Each structure stands twice: as structure tokens, then as C-alpha cells.
PDB file of N, CA and C in Angstrom:
ATOM      1  N   MET A   1     160.048 176.774 120.726  1.00  0.00           N
ATOM      2  CA  MET A   1     159.655 177.906 119.863  1.00  0.00           C
ATOM      3  C   MET A   1     158.810 177.105 118.943  1.00  0.00           C
ATOM      4  N   ALA A   2     157.507 177.626 118.746  1.00  0.00           N
ATOM      5  CA  ALA A   2     156.536 177.134 117.941  1.00  0.00           C
ATOM      6  C   ALA A   2     156.384 177.981 116.566  1.00  0.00           C
ATOM      7  N   LYS A   3     156.223 177.212 115.462  1.00  0.00           N
ATOM      8  CA  LYS A   3     156.169 177.987 114.269  1.00  0.00           C
ATOM      9  C   LYS A   3     154.882 177.747 113.802  1.00  0.00           C
ATOM     10  N   LYS A   4     154.415 178.905 112.847  1.00  0.00           N
ATOM     11  CA  LYS A   4     153.002 178.688 112.382  1.00  0.00           C
ATOM     12  C   LYS A   4     153.206 179.057 110.898  1.00  0.00           C
ATOM     13  N   THR A   5     152.442 178.086 110.081  1.00  0.00           N
ATOM     14  CA  THR A   5     152.533 178.159 108.799  1.00  0.00           C
ATOM     15  C   THR A   5     151.108 178.654 108.413  1.00  0.00           C
ATOM     16  N   LEU A   6     151.361 179.581 107.511  1.00  0.00           N
ATOM     17  CA  LEU A   6     150.152 180.462 106.962  1.00  0.00           C
ATOM     18  C   LEU A   6     150.020 180.145 105.323  1.00  0.00           C
ATOM     19  N   ILE A   7     148.755 179.682 105.243  1.00  0.00           N
ATOM     20  CA  ILE A   7     148.226 179.290 103.762  1.00  0.00           C
ATOM     21  C   ILE A   7     147.701 180.465 102.792  1.00  0.00           C
ATOM     22  N   ILE A   8     148.181 181.078 101.992  1.00  0.00           N
ATOM     23  CA  ILE A   8     147.714 182.330 101.343  1.00  0.00           C
ATOM     24  C   ILE A   8     146.852 181.897 100.191  1.00  0.00           C
ATOM     25  N   ASP A   9     145.772 182.326 100.273  1.00  0.00           N
ATOM     26  CA  ASP A   9     144.614 182.335  98.963  1.00  0.00           C
ATOM     27  C   ASP A   9     145.715 182.418  97.687  1.00  0.00           C
ATOM     28  N   ASP A  10     145.585 181.767  96.652  1.00  0.00           N
ATOM     29  CA  ASP A  10     146.095 181.811  95.548  1.00  0.00           C
ATOM     30  C   ASP A  10     145.352 182.900  94.561  1.00  0.00           C
ATOM     31  N   LEU A  11     144.471 183.478  94.743  1.00  0.00           N
ATOM     32  CA  LEU A  11     143.698 184.537  94.155  1.00  0.00           C
ATOM     33  C   LEU A  11     143.431 185.668  94.607  1.00  0.00           C
ATOM     34  N   THR A  12     143.339 185.650  96.075  1.00  0.00           N
ATOM     35  CA  THR A  12     143.239 187.047  96.543  1.00  0.00           C
ATOM     36  C   THR A  12     144.339 187.487  97.187  1.00  0.00           C
ATOM     37  N   GLY A  13     145.370 186.405  97.838  1.00  0.00           N
ATOM     38  CA  GLY A  13     146.273 186.779  98.873  1.00  0.00           C
ATOM     39  C   GLY A  13     145.964 186.916 100.087  1.00  0.00           C
ATOM     40  N   ASP A  14     144.717 186.231 100.537  1.00  0.00           N
ATOM     41  CA  ASP A  14     144.246 186.513 102.030  1.00  0.00           C
ATOM     42  C   ASP A  14     144.670 185.288 102.694  1.00  0.00           C
ATOM     43  N   THR A  15     144.741 185.403 103.865  1.00  0.00           N
ATOM     44  CA  THR A  15     145.389 184.511 104.844  1.00  0.00           C
ATOM     45  C   THR A  15     144.390 183.190 105.174  1.00  0.00           C
ATOM     46  N   GLY A  16     144.518 182.319 105.577  1.00  0.00           N
ATOM     47  CA  GLY A  16     143.446 181.330 106.232  1.00  0.00           C
ATOM     48  C   GLY A  16     142.933 180.456 105.236  1.00  0.00           C
ATOM     49  N   ALA A  17     143.514 180.259 104.049  1.00  0.00           N
ATOM     50  CA  ALA A  17     143.234 179.294 102.978  1.00  0.00           C
ATOM     51  C   ALA A  17     143.776 177.662 103.325  1.00  0.00           C
ATOM     52  N   LYS A  18     143.072 176.979 102.659  1.00  0.00           N
ATOM     53  CA  LYS A  18     143.241 175.647 102.652  1.00  0.00           C
ATOM     54  C   LYS A  18     143.562 175.026 101.426  1.00  0.00           C
ATOM     55  N   THR A  19     144.404 174.173 101.346  1.00  0.00           N
ATOM     56  CA  THR A  19     144.666 173.368  99.914  1.00  0.00           C
ATOM     57  C   THR A  19     143.425 172.906  99.240  1.00  0.00           C
ATOM     58  N   ARG A  20     142.950 173.135  98.224  1.00  0.00           N
ATOM     59  CA  ARG A  20     141.837 172.320  97.378  1.00  0.00           C
ATOM     60  C   ARG A  20     142.697 171.516  96.440  1.00  0.00           C
ATOM     61  N   THR A  21     142.021 170.253  96.243  1.00  0.00           N
ATOM     62  CA  THR A  21     142.149 169.482  95.036  1.00  0.00           C
ATOM     63  C   THR A  21     141.105 169.214  93.867  1.00  0.00           C
ATOM     64  N   PHE A  22     141.558 169.085  92.785  1.00  0.00           N
ATOM     65  CA  PHE A  22     140.483 168.677  91.906  1.00  0.00           C
ATOM     66  C   PHE A  22     140.868 168.195  90.832  1.00  0.00           C
ATOM     67  N   ARG A  23     140.320 167.581  89.890  1.00  0.00           N
ATOM     68  CA  ARG A  23     140.596 166.824  88.526  1.00  0.00           C
ATOM     69  C   ARG A  23     139.980 167.338  87.593  1.00  0.00           C
ATOM     70  N   VAL A  24     140.545 167.514  86.232  1.00  0.00           N
ATOM     71  CA  VAL A  24     139.997 167.882  84.993  1.00  0.00           C
ATOM     72  C   VAL A  24     140.737 167.238  83.990  1.00  0.00           C
ATOM     73  N   ASP A  25     140.034 166.302  83.128  1.00  0.00           N
ATOM     74  CA  ASP A  25     140.824 165.925  82.094  1.00  0.00           C
ATOM     75  C   ASP A  25     141.834 164.680  82.563  1.00  0.00           C
ATOM     76  N   GLY A  26     141.544 164.146  83.514  1.00  0.00           N
ATOM     77  CA  GLY A  26     142.608 163.274  84.343  1.00  0.00           C
ATOM     78  C   GLY A  26     143.870 164.018  84.801  1.00  0.00           C
ATOM     79  N   VAL A  27     144.005 165.190  84.890  1.00  0.00           N
ATOM     80  CA  VAL A  27     144.909 165.756  85.721  1.00  0.00           C
ATOM     81  C   VAL A  27     144.672 166.586  86.942  1.00  0.00           C
ATOM     82  N   ASP A  28     145.483 166.056  88.051  1.00  0.00           N
ATOM     83  CA  ASP A  28     145.200 166.530  89.406  1.00  0.00           C
ATOM     84  C   ASP A  28     145.617 167.826  89.587  1.00  0.00           C
ATOM     85  N   TYR A  29     144.893 168.726  90.154  1.00  0.00           N
ATOM     86  CA  TYR A  29     145.146 170.052  90.516  1.00  0.00           C
ATOM     87  C   TYR A  29     145.264 170.306  91.909  1.00  0.00           C
ATOM     88  N   GLU A  30     145.936 171.183  92.611  1.00  0.00           N
ATOM     89  CA  GLU A  30     145.810 171.732  93.990  1.00  0.00           C
ATOM     90  C   GLU A  30     145.975 173.279  93.759  1.00  0.00           C
ATOM     91  N   ILE A  31     145.235 173.832  94.534  1.00  0.00           N
ATOM     92  CA  ILE A  31     144.933 175.259  94.575  1.00  0.00           C
ATOM     93  C   ILE A  31     144.617 175.566  96.090  1.00  0.00           C
ATOM     94  N   ASP A  32     145.338 176.939  96.604  1.00  0.00           N
ATOM     95  CA  ASP A  32     144.771 177.164  98.119  1.00  0.00           C
ATOM     96  C   ASP A  32     143.826 178.305  97.711  1.00  0.00           C
ATOM     97  N   LEU A  33     142.682 178.216  98.639  1.00  0.00           N
ATOM     98  CA  LEU A  33     141.569 178.957  98.544  1.00  0.00           C
ATOM     99  C   LEU A  33     141.052 178.985  99.882  1.00  0.00           C
ATOM    100  N   THR A  34     140.568 180.231 100.324  1.00  0.00           N
ATOM    101  CA  THR A  34     139.828 180.619 101.555  1.00  0.00           C
ATOM    102  C   THR A  34     138.438 179.988 101.261  1.00  0.00           C
ATOM    103  N   ASP A  35     137.712 179.982 102.177  1.00  0.00           N
ATOM    104  CA  ASP A  35     136.044 179.317 102.215  1.00  0.00           C
ATOM    105  C   ASP A  35     135.697 180.258 101.285  1.00  0.00           C
ATOM    106  N   ALA A  36     135.962 181.572 101.178  1.00  0.00           N
ATOM    107  CA  ALA A  36     134.965 182.388 100.275  1.00  0.00           C
ATOM    108  C   ALA A  36     135.232 182.168  98.771  1.00  0.00           C
ATOM    109  N   SER A  37     136.395 181.924  98.667  1.00  0.00           N
ATOM    110  CA  SER A  37     137.133 181.972  97.042  1.00  0.00           C
ATOM    111  C   SER A  37     136.710 180.351  96.738  1.00  0.00           C
ATOM    112  N   TYR A  38     136.571 179.412  97.509  1.00  0.00           N
ATOM    113  CA  TYR A  38     136.446 177.992  97.377  1.00  0.00           C
ATOM    114  C   TYR A  38     134.728 178.034  96.993  1.00  0.00           C
ATOM    115  N   ALA A  39     133.906 178.715  97.654  1.00  0.00           N
ATOM    116  CA  ALA A  39     132.731 178.752  97.573  1.00  0.00           C
ATOM    117  C   ALA A  39     132.408 179.443  95.935  1.00  0.00           C
ATOM    118  N   GLU A  40     132.868 180.413  95.614  1.00  0.00           N
ATOM    119  CA  GLU A  40     132.815 180.921  94.290  1.00  0.00           C
ATOM    120  C   GLU A  40     133.443 180.118  93.068  1.00  0.00           C
ATOM    121  N   LEU A  41     134.392 179.316  93.318  1.00  0.00           N
ATOM    122  CA  LEU A  41     134.677 178.359  92.493  1.00  0.00           C
ATOM    123  C   LEU A  41     133.840 177.079  92.166  1.00  0.00           C
ATOM    124  N   LYS A  42     133.140 176.478  93.454  1.00  0.00           N
ATOM    125  CA  LYS A  42     131.875 175.578  93.097  1.00  0.00           C
ATOM    126  C   LYS A  42     130.653 176.498  92.689  1.00  0.00           C
ATOM    127  N   ALA A  43     130.403 177.805  92.877  1.00  0.00           N
ATOM    128  CA  ALA A  43     129.395 178.502  92.250  1.00  0.00           C
ATOM    129  C   ALA A  43     129.488 178.476  90.621  1.00  0.00           C
ATOM    130  N   ALA A  44     130.506 178.673  90.314  1.00  0.00           N
ATOM    131  CA  ALA A  44     131.125 178.846  88.760  1.00  0.00           C
ATOM    132  C   ALA A  44     131.031 177.157  88.243  1.00  0.00           C
ATOM    133  N   LEU A  45     131.171 176.221  88.901  1.00  0.00           N
ATOM    134  CA  LEU A  45     131.247 174.938  88.467  1.00  0.00           C
ATOM    135  C   LEU A  45     129.546 174.557  88.751  1.00  0.00           C
ATOM    136  N   LYS A  46     129.009 175.142  89.109  1.00  0.00           N
ATOM    137  CA  LYS A  46     127.544 174.616  89.947  1.00  0.00           C
ATOM    138  C   LYS A  46     126.576 174.169  88.112  1.00  0.00           C
ATOM    139  N   PRO A  47     126.687 175.086  87.451  1.00  0.00           N
ATOM    140  CA  PRO A  47     125.510 174.410  86.299  1.00  0.00           C
ATOM    141  C   PRO A  47     126.231 173.180  85.450  1.00  0.00           C
ATOM    142  N   TYR A  48     127.556 173.143  85.387  1.00  0.00           N
ATOM    143  CA  TYR A  48     128.168 171.782  84.868  1.00  0.00           C
ATOM    144  C   TYR A  48     127.974 170.631  85.822  1.00  0.00           C
ATOM    145  N   LEU A  49     128.280 170.735  87.051  1.00  0.00           N
ATOM    146  CA  LEU A  49     128.290 169.687  88.020  1.00  0.00           C
ATOM    147  C   LEU A  49     126.717 169.127  87.913  1.00  0.00           C
ATOM    148  N   ARG A  50     125.652 170.260  87.642  1.00  0.00           N
ATOM    149  CA  ARG A  50     124.303 169.676  87.633  1.00  0.00           C
ATOM    150  C   ARG A  50     124.003 168.830  86.411  1.00  0.00           C
ATOM    151  N   ALA A  51     124.757 169.169  85.228  1.00  0.00           N
ATOM    152  CA  ALA A  51     124.484 168.573  84.075  1.00  0.00           C
ATOM    153  C   ALA A  51     125.299 167.391  83.793  1.00  0.00           C
ATOM    154  N   ALA A  52     126.505 167.179  84.760  1.00  0.00           N
ATOM    155  CA  ALA A  52     127.408 166.167  84.819  1.00  0.00           C
ATOM    156  C   ALA A  52     126.627 164.934  85.317  1.00  0.00           C
ATOM    157  N   ARG A  53     127.082 163.830  84.974  1.00  0.00           N
ATOM    158  CA  ARG A  53     126.960 162.697  85.701  1.00  0.00           C
ATOM    159  C   ARG A  53     127.857 162.075  86.628  1.00  0.00           C
ATOM    160  N   GLN A  54     127.347 161.956  88.074  1.00  0.00           N
ATOM    161  CA  GLN A  54     128.482 161.433  88.973  1.00  0.00           C
ATOM    162  C   GLN A  54     128.802 160.198  88.650  1.00  0.00           C
ATOM    163  N   VAL A  55     129.912 159.746  88.780  1.00  0.00           N
ATOM    164  CA  VAL A  55     130.657 158.585  88.646  1.00  0.00           C
ATOM    165  C   VAL A  55     131.198 157.998  89.797  1.00  0.00           C
ATOM    166  N   GLY A  56     131.047 158.448  91.051  1.00  0.00           N
ATOM    167  CA  GLY A  56     131.477 157.996  92.429  1.00  0.00           C
ATOM    168  C   GLY A  56     131.291 159.084  93.411  1.00  0.00           C
ATOM    169  N   GLY A  57     131.452 158.594  94.521  1.00  0.00           N
ATOM    170  CA  GLY A  57     131.151 159.438  95.749  1.00  0.00           C
ATOM    171  C   GLY A  57     132.412 160.097  95.738  1.00  0.00           C
ATOM    172  N   PRO A  58     132.227 161.159  97.161  1.00  0.00           N
ATOM    173  CA  PRO A  58     133.392 161.741  97.659  1.00  0.00           C
ATOM    174  C   PRO A  58     134.649 160.884  98.007  1.00  0.00           C
ATOM    175  N   VAL A  59     135.879 161.420  97.682  1.00  0.00           N
ATOM    176  CA  VAL A  59     136.990 160.541  98.137  1.00  0.00           C
ATOM    177  C   VAL A  59     137.498 160.700  99.487  1.00  0.00           C
ATOM    178  N   VAL A  60     137.227 159.601 100.173  1.00  0.00           N
ATOM    179  CA  VAL A  60     137.872 159.512 101.689  1.00  0.00           C
ATOM    180  C   VAL A  60     139.002 159.377 101.679  1.00  0.00           C
ATOM    181  N   ALA A  61     139.886 160.102 102.493  1.00  0.00           N
ATOM    182  CA  ALA A  61     141.193 159.895 102.683  1.00  0.00           C
ATOM    183  C   ALA A  61     141.516 158.341 103.402  1.00  0.00           C
ATOM    184  N   GLY A  62     142.384 157.858 102.724  1.00  0.00           N
ATOM    185  CA  GLY A  62     142.943 156.401 103.236  1.00  0.00           C
ATOM    186  C   GLY A  62     141.859 155.498 102.857  1.00  0.00           C
ATOM    187  N   SER A  63     141.193 155.785 101.569  1.00  0.00           N
ATOM    188  CA  SER A  63     140.507 154.750 100.871  1.00  0.00           C
ATOM    189  C   SER A  63     140.999 154.144  99.862  1.00  0.00           C
ATOM    190  N   ARG A  64     140.636 153.096  98.954  1.00  0.00           N
ATOM    191  CA  ARG A  64     141.415 152.506  97.837  1.00  0.00           C
ATOM    192  C   ARG A  64     141.278 153.598  96.763  1.00  0.00           C
ATOM    193  N   ARG A  65     139.923 154.363  96.978  1.00  0.00           N
ATOM    194  CA  ARG A  65     139.703 155.431  95.597  1.00  0.00           C
ATOM    195  C   ARG A  65     140.850 156.593  95.906  1.00  0.00           C
ATOM    196  N   ALA A  66     141.011 156.737  97.218  1.00  0.00           N
ATOM    197  CA  ALA A  66     141.803 157.883  97.412  1.00  0.00           C
ATOM    198  C   ALA A  66     143.168 157.879  96.845  1.00  0.00           C
ATOM    199  N   ARG A  67     143.671 156.322  96.918  1.00  0.00           N
ATOM    200  CA  ARG A  67     145.030 156.209  96.607  1.00  0.00           C
ATOM    201  C   ARG A  67     145.303 155.968  95.125  1.00  0.00           C
ATOM    202  N   SER A  68     144.017 155.561  94.643  1.00  0.00           N
ATOM    203  CA  SER A  68     144.372 155.157  93.328  1.00  0.00           C
ATOM    204  C   SER A  68     144.240 156.395  92.288  1.00  0.00           C
ATOM    205  N   SER A  69     145.104 156.318  91.064  1.00  0.00           N
ATOM    206  CA  SER A  69     145.183 157.469  90.330  1.00  0.00           C
ATOM    207  C   SER A  69     144.111 157.100  89.345  1.00  0.00           C
ATOM    208  N   THR A  70     143.838 155.840  89.002  1.00  0.00           N
ATOM    209  CA  THR A  70     142.825 155.507  87.895  1.00  0.00           C
ATOM    210  C   THR A  70     141.608 154.717  88.330  1.00  0.00           C
ATOM    211  N   PRO A  71     140.616 154.493  87.895  1.00  0.00           N
ATOM    212  CA  PRO A  71     139.519 153.661  88.007  1.00  0.00           C
ATOM    213  C   PRO A  71     140.109 152.083  87.883  1.00  0.00           C
ATOM    214  N   SER A  72     139.439 151.326  88.951  1.00  0.00           N
ATOM    215  CA  SER A  72     139.605 149.877  88.778  1.00  0.00           C
ATOM    216  C   SER A  72     139.076 149.453  87.299  1.00  0.00           C
ATOM    217  N   ARG A  73     139.508 148.452  86.670  1.00  0.00           N
ATOM    218  CA  ARG A  73     138.995 147.935  85.488  1.00  0.00           C
ATOM    219  C   ARG A  73     138.564 146.383  85.859  1.00  0.00           C
ATOM    220  N   SER A  74     137.583 145.825  85.241  1.00  0.00           N
ATOM    221  CA  SER A  74     137.387 144.591  85.187  1.00  0.00           C
ATOM    222  C   SER A  74     138.170 143.654  84.235  1.00  0.00           C
ATOM    223  N   ARG A  75     138.882 142.669  84.622  1.00  0.00           N
ATOM    224  CA  ARG A  75     139.734 142.046  83.493  1.00  0.00           C
ATOM    225  C   ARG A  75     138.758 141.387  82.507  1.00  0.00           C
ATOM    226  N   SER A  76     137.764 141.393  82.342  1.00  0.00           N
ATOM    227  CA  SER A  76     136.719 140.821  81.240  1.00  0.00           C
ATOM    228  C   SER A  76     136.647 141.747  80.295  1.00  0.00           C
ATOM    229  N   LYS A  77     137.174 142.965  80.572  1.00  0.00           N
ATOM    230  CA  LYS A  77     137.165 144.156  79.455  1.00  0.00           C
ATOM    231  C   LYS A  77     138.430 144.482  78.507  1.00  0.00           C
ATOM    232  N   GLY A  78     139.166 143.616  78.712  1.00  0.00           N
ATOM    233  CA  GLY A  78     140.578 143.478  77.855  1.00  0.00           C
ATOM    234  C   GLY A  78     141.541 144.244  78.983  1.00  0.00           C
ATOM    235  N   PRO A  79     142.910 144.344  78.144  1.00  0.00           N
ATOM    236  CA  PRO A  79     144.038 144.722  79.035  1.00  0.00           C
ATOM    237  C   PRO A  79     143.607 146.046  79.745  1.00  0.00           C
ATOM    238  N   THR A  80     144.346 145.961  81.048  1.00  0.00           N
ATOM    239  CA  THR A  80     144.168 147.110  82.185  1.00  0.00           C
ATOM    240  C   THR A  80     145.139 148.254  81.224  1.00  0.00           C
ATOM    241  N   GLU A  81     144.861 149.517  81.881  1.00  0.00           N
ATOM    242  CA  GLU A  81     145.752 150.684  81.552  1.00  0.00           C
ATOM    243  C   GLU A  81     147.048 150.329  81.837  1.00  0.00           C
ATOM    244  N   ALA A  82     147.625 149.628  82.898  1.00  0.00           N
ATOM    245  CA  ALA A  82     148.968 149.423  83.425  1.00  0.00           C
ATOM    246  C   ALA A  82     149.483 148.208  82.209  1.00  0.00           C
ATOM    247  N   ALA A  83     148.865 147.532  81.857  1.00  0.00           N
ATOM    248  CA  ALA A  83     149.226 146.411  80.759  1.00  0.00           C
ATOM    249  C   ALA A  83     149.622 147.205  79.589  1.00  0.00           C
ATOM    250  N   ILE A  84     148.673 148.364  79.321  1.00  0.00           N
ATOM    251  CA  ILE A  84     148.761 149.079  77.750  1.00  0.00           C
ATOM    252  C   ILE A  84     149.978 149.818  78.035  1.00  0.00           C
ATOM    253  N   ILE A  85     150.392 150.688  79.169  1.00  0.00           N
ATOM    254  CA  ILE A  85     151.219 151.456  79.323  1.00  0.00           C
ATOM    255  C   ILE A  85     152.729 150.512  79.347  1.00  0.00           C
ATOM    256  N   ARG A  86     152.717 149.283  79.950  1.00  0.00           N
ATOM    257  CA  ARG A  86     153.754 148.539  79.966  1.00  0.00           C
ATOM    258  C   ARG A  86     154.237 147.984  78.460  1.00  0.00           C
ATOM    259  N   ALA A  87     153.425 147.634  77.615  1.00  0.00           N
ATOM    260  CA  ALA A  87     153.410 147.175  76.370  1.00  0.00           C
ATOM    261  C   ALA A  87     154.179 148.456  75.614  1.00  0.00           C
ATOM    262  N   TRP A  88     153.680 149.527  75.969  1.00  0.00           N
ATOM    263  CA  TRP A  88     154.129 150.821  74.976  1.00  0.00           C
ATOM    264  C   TRP A  88     155.486 151.060  75.453  1.00  0.00           C
ATOM    265  N   ALA A  89     155.833 151.006  76.701  1.00  0.00           N
ATOM    266  CA  ALA A  89     157.304 151.094  77.091  1.00  0.00           C
ATOM    267  C   ALA A  89     158.004 150.372  76.767  1.00  0.00           C
ATOM    268  N   ARG A  90     157.618 148.771  76.578  1.00  0.00           N
ATOM    269  CA  ARG A  90     158.805 148.001  76.190  1.00  0.00           C
ATOM    270  C   ARG A  90     158.999 148.406  74.582  1.00  0.00           C
ATOM    271  N   SER A  91     157.975 148.762  74.050  1.00  0.00           N
ATOM    272  CA  SER A  91     158.157 148.991  72.428  1.00  0.00           C
ATOM    273  C   SER A  91     159.056 150.076  72.138  1.00  0.00           C
ATOM    274  N   VAL A  92     159.198 151.043  73.125  1.00  0.00           N
ATOM    275  CA  VAL A  92     160.035 152.339  73.132  1.00  0.00           C
ATOM    276  C   VAL A  92     161.433 152.321  73.811  1.00  0.00           C
ATOM    277  N   GLY A  93     161.494 150.652  74.289  1.00  0.00           N
ATOM    278  CA  GLY A  93     162.949 150.362  74.984  1.00  0.00           C
ATOM    279  C   GLY A  93     162.922 150.969  76.586  1.00  0.00           C
ATOM    280  N   MET A  94     161.916 151.360  77.086  1.00  0.00           N
ATOM    281  CA  MET A  94     161.676 151.729  78.423  1.00  0.00           C
ATOM    282  C   MET A  94     161.917 150.399  79.482  1.00  0.00           C
ATOM    283  N   PRO A  95     162.539 150.458  80.497  1.00  0.00           N
ATOM    284  CA  PRO A  95     162.568 149.304  81.186  1.00  0.00           C
ATOM    285  C   PRO A  95     161.125 149.312  82.135  1.00  0.00           C
ATOM    286  N   VAL A  96     160.501 148.080  82.278  1.00  0.00           N
ATOM    287  CA  VAL A  96     159.114 148.208  83.205  1.00  0.00           C
ATOM    288  C   VAL A  96     159.062 146.897  83.876  1.00  0.00           C
ATOM    289  N   THR A  97     158.671 147.014  84.919  1.00  0.00           N
ATOM    290  CA  THR A  97     158.165 145.755  85.925  1.00  0.00           C
ATOM    291  C   THR A  97     157.233 144.895  85.083  1.00  0.00           C
ATOM    292  N   GLU A  98     156.888 143.570  85.576  1.00  0.00           N
ATOM    293  CA  GLU A  98     156.220 142.533  85.005  1.00  0.00           C
ATOM    294  C   GLU A  98     154.523 142.859  85.648  1.00  0.00           C
ATOM    295  N   ARG A  99     154.832 143.148  87.037  1.00  0.00           N
ATOM    296  CA  ARG A  99     153.680 143.266  88.144  1.00  0.00           C
ATOM    297  C   ARG A  99     153.907 144.787  88.633  1.00  0.00           C
ATOM    298  N   GLY A 100     152.603 144.856  89.737  1.00  0.00           N
ATOM    299  CA  GLY A 100     152.772 146.025  90.474  1.00  0.00           C
ATOM    300  C   GLY A 100     152.730 147.405  89.524  1.00  0.00           C
ATOM    301  N   ARG A 101     152.742 148.519  90.497  1.00  0.00           N
ATOM    302  CA  ARG A 101     152.536 149.991  89.766  1.00  0.00           C
ATOM    303  C   ARG A 101     153.537 150.151  89.028  1.00  0.00           C
ATOM    304  N   VAL A 102     152.897 151.010  87.798  1.00  0.00           N
ATOM    305  CA  VAL A 102     153.716 151.612  87.005  1.00  0.00           C
ATOM    306  C   VAL A 102     154.432 152.727  87.248  1.00  0.00           C
ATOM    307  N   ALA A 103     155.724 152.844  87.092  1.00  0.00           N
ATOM    308  CA  ALA A 103     156.588 153.823  87.679  1.00  0.00           C
ATOM    309  C   ALA A 103     156.040 155.036  87.256  1.00  0.00           C
ATOM    310  N   PRO A 104     156.027 156.181  87.674  1.00  0.00           N
ATOM    311  CA  PRO A 104     155.766 157.499  87.697  1.00  0.00           C
ATOM    312  C   PRO A 104     156.210 158.191  86.302  1.00  0.00           C
ATOM    313  N   ASP A 105     157.376 157.928  86.065  1.00  0.00           N
ATOM    314  CA  ASP A 105     158.458 158.463  84.843  1.00  0.00           C
ATOM    315  C   ASP A 105     157.769 157.743  83.596  1.00  0.00           C
ATOM    316  N   VAL A 106     157.276 156.608  83.906  1.00  0.00           N
ATOM    317  CA  VAL A 106     156.923 155.650  82.677  1.00  0.00           C
ATOM    318  C   VAL A 106     155.564 156.105  82.310  1.00  0.00           C
ATOM    319  N   ARG A 107     154.603 156.478  83.193  1.00  0.00           N
ATOM    320  CA  ARG A 107     153.222 156.754  83.071  1.00  0.00           C
ATOM    321  C   ARG A 107     153.395 157.999  82.435  1.00  0.00           C
ATOM    322  N   LYS A 108     154.264 159.161  82.923  1.00  0.00           N
ATOM    323  CA  LYS A 108     154.281 160.443  82.434  1.00  0.00           C
ATOM    324  C   LYS A 108     154.946 160.415  81.004  1.00  0.00           C
ATOM    325  N   ALA A 109     155.892 159.413  80.656  1.00  0.00           N
ATOM    326  CA  ALA A 109     156.310 159.612  79.395  1.00  0.00           C
ATOM    327  C   ALA A 109     155.162 159.284  78.393  1.00  0.00           C
ATOM    328  N   TRP A 110     154.430 157.913  79.040  1.00  0.00           N
ATOM    329  CA  TRP A 110     153.372 157.691  77.986  1.00  0.00           C
ATOM    330  C   TRP A 110     152.040 158.735  77.724  1.00  0.00           C
ATOM    331  N   GLU A 111     151.942 159.423  78.730  1.00  0.00           N
ATOM    332  CA  GLU A 111     150.768 160.359  78.725  1.00  0.00           C
ATOM    333  C   GLU A 111     151.379 161.410  77.789  1.00  0.00           C
ATOM    334  N   ALA A 112     152.854 161.908  77.893  1.00  0.00           N
ATOM    335  CA  ALA A 112     153.251 162.729  76.979  1.00  0.00           C
ATOM    336  C   ALA A 112     153.337 162.364  75.663  1.00  0.00           C
ATOM    337  N   ALA A 113     153.356 160.984  75.184  1.00  0.00           N
ATOM    338  CA  ALA A 113     153.398 160.808  73.841  1.00  0.00           C
ATOM    339  C   ALA A 113     151.873 160.347  73.595  1.00  0.00           C
ATOM    340  N   GLY A 114     151.024 161.019  74.109  1.00  0.00           N
ATOM    341  CA  GLY A 114     149.567 160.963  73.675  1.00  0.00           C
ATOM    342  C   GLY A 114     148.923 159.608  73.876  1.00  0.00           C
ATOM    343  N   SER A 115     149.260 158.930  75.332  1.00  0.00           N
ATOM    344  CA  SER A 115     148.744 157.842  75.605  1.00  0.00           C
ATOM    345  C   SER A 115     148.289 156.730  74.764  1.00  0.00           C
ATOM    346  N   PRO A 116     149.146 156.266  73.810  1.00  0.00           N
ATOM    347  CA  PRO A 116     148.935 155.500  72.858  1.00  0.00           C
ATOM    348  C   PRO A 116     148.150 154.031  73.278  1.00  0.00           C
ATOM    349  N   ARG A 117     147.603 153.701  72.298  1.00  0.00           N
ATOM    350  CA  ARG A 117     146.740 152.251  72.577  1.00  0.00           C
ATOM    351  C   ARG A 117     147.579 150.971  72.145  1.00  0.00           C
TER     352      ARG A 117
END
């Protein structure tokens, strides 16, 4: 028995939508849109995109940029965001590792606290 999944446009209710992702103010969003609805979204953003500065190319699935939720930083520019988050977490009594990825719950708590430096 075969099963078929229908993706419904979140705005119009039409079938045949695709899941689209975008980021605003560091927050990732997903929305299911048909090609027509997606074209409307891009048209609405067009004047802002023309005025904006592009900071990178399109994200390619499987690339380092696609896997990373934050831009990489040079060590010469001071502590990394991860180091800042770890210091904050320790100051409020949250357990954190010395190295590796910051746990999502720790990062969310830091963001909820206003991303203190």
C-alpha cells in the first residue's frame, strides 16, 4: 500500500505546497507555500532585498553554512558566541560542557534572557 503526503499552503489552503524556510532577526521560520504564494512572498520582500547587503550566497544542503546556526567567527575578534553563552550559563548555575556544541536548551535560555554579554 502506498501513502501520499499532501502539503497544504498555509495561506491559501491549496495543495501542492513546498516547505520554505527563512530567517528574520536570527529566528528561523518554516512555512508551506505553493509556487504562487512563494512568488508573492518574494515580490513583497523585493524592495527590501534590493536595499539590503548580501552577506553570503544561498545555503546548499549539507554545507557547513547549512548546518551552522551562527556565522563563524575569527578567534582574533574576541570570545565566540559559544564562549559567551557558556560563561552566562555558568553564572546562572546551568551545567555546560567545555567544548563542542552548546546544548539547544542552554542557547534558548540565553536568548530568552536577552542574550546577555
